[in-house]
Amino acid sequence: GRLRDECLNETLFGTLGHACAVLSNWKEDYNTVRPHSSLGGRTPSEIARQAGPGHAPDLLAITLTTSHQLITGLYQ
């Protein structure tokens, strides 16, 4: 929502390169400069540094189980 409200709705992109540059700058600002109230006034990059290397939310670590194998096997 913020990306749309703060960047996409406010910018007329002239070229693909311009769009890439603007979006890259917005993402950098959002993740490293702006404090987020939901993160206790810290930036996402500060939270990531505190978590340590290789730390990812559990939802991103999907392990292969028997049920996954069966479902995958149906489409082969």
Protein backbone atom coordinates (compact mmCIF):
# COMPACT_ATOMS: atom_id res chain seq x y z
CA GLY A 1 0.00 0.00 0.00
CA ARG A 2 2.74 2.46 0.89
CA LEU A 3 4.65 1.76 -2.30
CA ARG A 4 1.56 2.53 -4.33
CA ASP A 5 0.56 5.60 -2.31
CA GLU A 6 4.00 7.13 -1.88
CA CYS A 7 5.73 6.19 -5.11
CA LEU A 8 3.65 4.67 -7.90
CA ASN A 9 0.73 7.11 -7.70
CA GLU A 10 3.11 10.08 -7.47
CA THR A 11 5.58 9.30 -10.26
CA LEU A 12 5.23 9.37 -14.03
CA PHE A 13 7.88 6.95 -15.27
CA GLY A 14 9.48 7.91 -18.58
CA THR A 15 11.49 4.76 -19.19
CA LEU A 16 12.05 1.35 -17.69
CA GLY A 17 15.42 2.57 -16.42
CA HIS A 18 13.77 5.53 -14.71
CA ALA A 19 11.22 3.22 -13.07
CA CYS A 20 13.99 0.89 -11.84
CA ALA A 21 15.97 3.79 -10.37
CA VAL A 22 12.97 5.36 -8.62
CA LEU A 23 11.81 2.04 -7.18
CA SER A 24 15.32 1.14 -6.04
CA ASN A 25 15.67 4.49 -4.25
CA TRP A 26 12.25 4.13 -2.63
CA LYS A 27 13.05 0.61 -1.42
CA GLU A 28 16.41 1.71 -0.02
CA ASP A 29 14.79 4.59 1.86
CA TYR A 30 11.93 2.43 3.16
CA ASN A 31 14.22 -0.33 4.43
CA THR A 32 17.22 1.60 5.75
CA VAL A 33 16.25 5.20 6.54
CA ARG A 34 12.66 5.36 7.74
CA PRO A 35 11.79 4.13 11.21
CA HIS A 36 8.71 1.91 11.37
CA SER A 37 6.34 2.21 14.32
CA SER A 38 5.52 -1.51 14.04
CA LEU A 39 9.23 -2.23 14.61
CA GLY A 40 9.55 -0.03 17.68
CA GLY A 41 10.93 2.94 15.77
CA ARG A 42 13.64 0.88 14.07
CA THR A 43 14.23 0.25 10.38
CA PRO A 44 13.85 -3.18 8.78
CA SER A 45 17.61 -3.27 8.15
CA GLU A 46 18.28 -2.68 11.86
CA ILE A 47 16.00 -5.59 12.74
CA ALA A 48 17.76 -7.80 10.18
CA ARG A 49 21.20 -6.90 11.58
CA GLN A 50 20.08 -7.71 15.12
CA ALA A 51 18.68 -11.08 14.02
CA GLY A 52 22.08 -12.16 12.72
CA PRO A 53 23.20 -13.78 9.49
CA GLY A 54 21.05 -16.42 7.87
CA HIS A 55 17.99 -15.63 9.93
CA ALA A 56 14.68 -15.88 8.10
CA PRO A 57 11.11 -16.22 9.32
CA ASP A 58 9.97 -19.82 9.75
CA LEU A 59 7.37 -19.43 7.02
CA LEU A 60 10.13 -19.12 4.43
CA ALA A 61 11.69 -22.44 5.38
CA ILE A 62 9.45 -25.01 3.73
CA THR A 63 10.58 -28.57 4.25
CA LEU A 64 9.72 -31.46 1.97
CA THR A 65 7.26 -33.84 3.57
CA THR A 66 5.48 -36.94 2.39
CA SER A 67 2.33 -34.95 1.61
CA HIS A 68 4.33 -32.55 -0.56
CA GLN A 69 5.82 -35.49 -2.42
CA LEU A 70 2.39 -36.97 -3.05
CA ILE A 71 0.95 -33.70 -4.34
CA THR A 72 3.98 -33.09 -6.55
CA GLY A 73 3.72 -36.65 -7.88
CA LEU A 74 0.17 -36.03 -9.10
CA TYR A 75 1.38 -33.49 -11.65
CA GLN A 76 4.34 -35.42 -13.04
